[in-house]
C-alpha cells in the first residue's frame, strides 16, 4: 500500500458534482467521490465579498494519481480558479486503503 489523499473541490451545482464524480470514478482516477450540499460559501473574489451555494466533492485517491486527478478536475471544472486541495490520509483501516488501491488504476 502507498500514500493516499483526500481531495476536495467545490462546484456550482448538484449536476456538476454528479458529472465530475462519474467521470473521475469511471476513469479510475479516484476510488470514490462523496458529494455534500448544498453548502453556503462566503468568499472574496475580485475585491468583492460573494456568496454562493456550492456542492463539495470529497475524492479518495492515491498520491501517485494526484497529478492526473488535479488536471482532470481542472478540465471538468467551470470555475476560473477552482478549489482543488489535497490532504494526506495519515491513517486508515487496512481494508479501506487496500480498496482504494484496487479501484484506482495506474
Protein backbone atom coordinates (compact mmCIF):
# COMPACT_ATOMS: atom_id res chain seq x y z
CA UNK A 1 0.00 0.00 0.00
CA UNK A 2 1.16 3.52 -0.80
CA UNK A 3 0.21 7.04 0.15
CA UNK A 4 -3.38 8.23 0.00
CA UNK A 5 -5.10 11.59 -0.45
CA UNK A 6 -8.45 13.14 0.41
CA UNK A 7 -9.04 15.74 -2.31
CA UNK A 8 -11.72 18.42 -2.02
CA UNK A 9 -13.28 20.67 -4.63
CA UNK A 10 -16.47 22.73 -4.68
CA UNK A 11 -18.73 23.10 -7.72
CA UNK A 12 -21.75 25.25 -8.54
CA UNK A 13 -24.47 22.61 -8.93
CA UNK A 14 -25.53 19.10 -8.00
CA UNK A 15 -25.41 18.16 -11.68
CA UNK A 16 -21.79 19.36 -11.98
CA UNK A 17 -20.86 17.37 -8.87
CA UNK A 18 -22.52 14.21 -10.16
CA UNK A 19 -20.90 14.60 -13.57
CA UNK A 20 -17.45 15.10 -12.04
CA UNK A 21 -17.94 12.13 -9.71
CA UNK A 22 -18.96 9.84 -12.56
CA UNK A 23 -16.04 10.81 -14.79
CA UNK A 24 -13.39 10.53 -12.07
CA UNK A 25 -14.61 7.13 -10.86
CA UNK A 26 -15.18 5.75 -14.38
CA UNK A 27 -11.65 6.83 -15.40
CA UNK A 28 -10.28 5.16 -12.23
CA UNK A 29 -8.62 8.36 -11.08
CA UNK A 30 -10.37 8.10 -7.72
CA UNK A 31 -11.93 5.25 -5.77
CA UNK A 32 -14.97 7.27 -4.74
CA UNK A 33 -16.47 10.74 -4.62
CA UNK A 34 -18.76 11.84 -1.82
CA UNK A 35 -20.99 14.80 -2.72
CA UNK A 36 -22.26 17.06 0.06
CA UNK A 37 -24.51 20.01 -0.44
CA UNK A 38 -25.66 22.45 -0.94
CA UNK A 39 -23.38 24.37 1.39
CA UNK A 40 -23.28 28.15 1.60
CA UNK A 41 -19.88 29.66 0.77
CA UNK A 42 -18.77 33.21 1.51
CA UNK A 43 -15.56 34.34 -0.13
CA UNK A 44 -13.75 37.33 -1.57
CA UNK A 45 -13.45 37.39 -5.37
CA UNK A 46 -12.04 40.29 -7.36
CA UNK A 47 -12.38 42.69 -4.46
CA UNK A 48 -15.98 41.89 -3.56
CA UNK A 49 -17.48 39.59 -0.95
CA UNK A 50 -19.51 36.92 -2.72
CA UNK A 51 -21.94 34.28 -1.51
CA UNK A 52 -22.94 31.15 -3.37
CA UNK A 53 -24.45 27.74 -2.93
CA UNK A 54 -21.92 25.04 -3.74
CA UNK A 55 -21.61 21.26 -3.62
CA UNK A 56 -18.49 19.79 -2.03
CA UNK A 57 -16.85 16.82 -3.68
CA UNK A 58 -14.62 14.67 -1.47
CA UNK A 59 -12.39 12.41 -3.56
CA UNK A 60 -10.30 9.46 -2.32
CA UNK A 61 -7.23 8.57 -4.35
CA UNK A 62 -3.55 7.71 -4.19
CA UNK A 63 -0.72 10.23 -4.08
CA UNK A 64 0.61 8.73 -7.31
CA UNK A 65 -2.60 9.74 -9.12
CA UNK A 66 -2.58 13.32 -7.80
CA UNK A 67 -1.23 14.98 -10.99
CA UNK A 68 -3.87 13.26 -13.13
CA UNK A 69 -6.67 13.97 -10.64
CA UNK A 70 -5.75 17.65 -10.41
CA UNK A 71 -5.59 18.02 -14.20
CA UNK A 72 -8.90 16.23 -14.76
CA UNK A 73 -10.73 18.18 -12.04
CA UNK A 74 -9.40 21.41 -13.56
CA UNK A 75 -10.58 20.33 -17.03
CA UNK A 76 -14.06 19.41 -15.76
CA UNK A 77 -14.47 22.49 -13.56
CA UNK A 78 -16.43 25.59 -14.57
CA UNK A 79 -14.64 27.96 -12.16
CA UNK A 80 -11.78 30.18 -13.30
CA UNK A 81 -9.85 29.37 -10.11
CA UNK A 82 -11.30 26.18 -8.62
CA UNK A 83 -10.54 24.91 -5.15
CA UNK A 84 -8.52 21.72 -5.60
CA UNK A 85 -6.98 20.83 -2.25
CA UNK A 86 -5.34 17.53 -1.34
CA UNK A 87 -4.75 16.43 2.23
CA UNK A 88 -2.79 13.32 3.15
CA UNK A 89 -4.65 10.44 4.72
CA UNK A 90 -2.26 9.74 7.58
CA UNK A 91 -4.07 6.64 8.82
CA UNK A 92 -6.94 4.44 7.71
CA UNK A 93 -8.25 0.93 8.01
CA UNK A 94 -6.14 -1.51 6.02
CA UNK A 95 -9.12 -2.96 4.11
CA UNK A 96 -10.32 0.53 3.09
CA UNK A 97 -6.87 1.61 1.90
CA UNK A 98 -6.48 -1.67 0.00
CA UNK A 99 -9.85 -0.96 -1.66
CA UNK A 100 -8.57 2.46 -2.80
CA UNK A 101 -5.50 0.72 -4.27
CA UNK A 102 -7.67 -1.81 -6.08
CA UNK A 103 -10.05 0.80 -7.54
CA UNK A 104 -7.57 3.45 -8.64
CA UNK A 105 -5.88 2.37 -11.84
CA UNK A 106 -2.44 3.44 -12.94
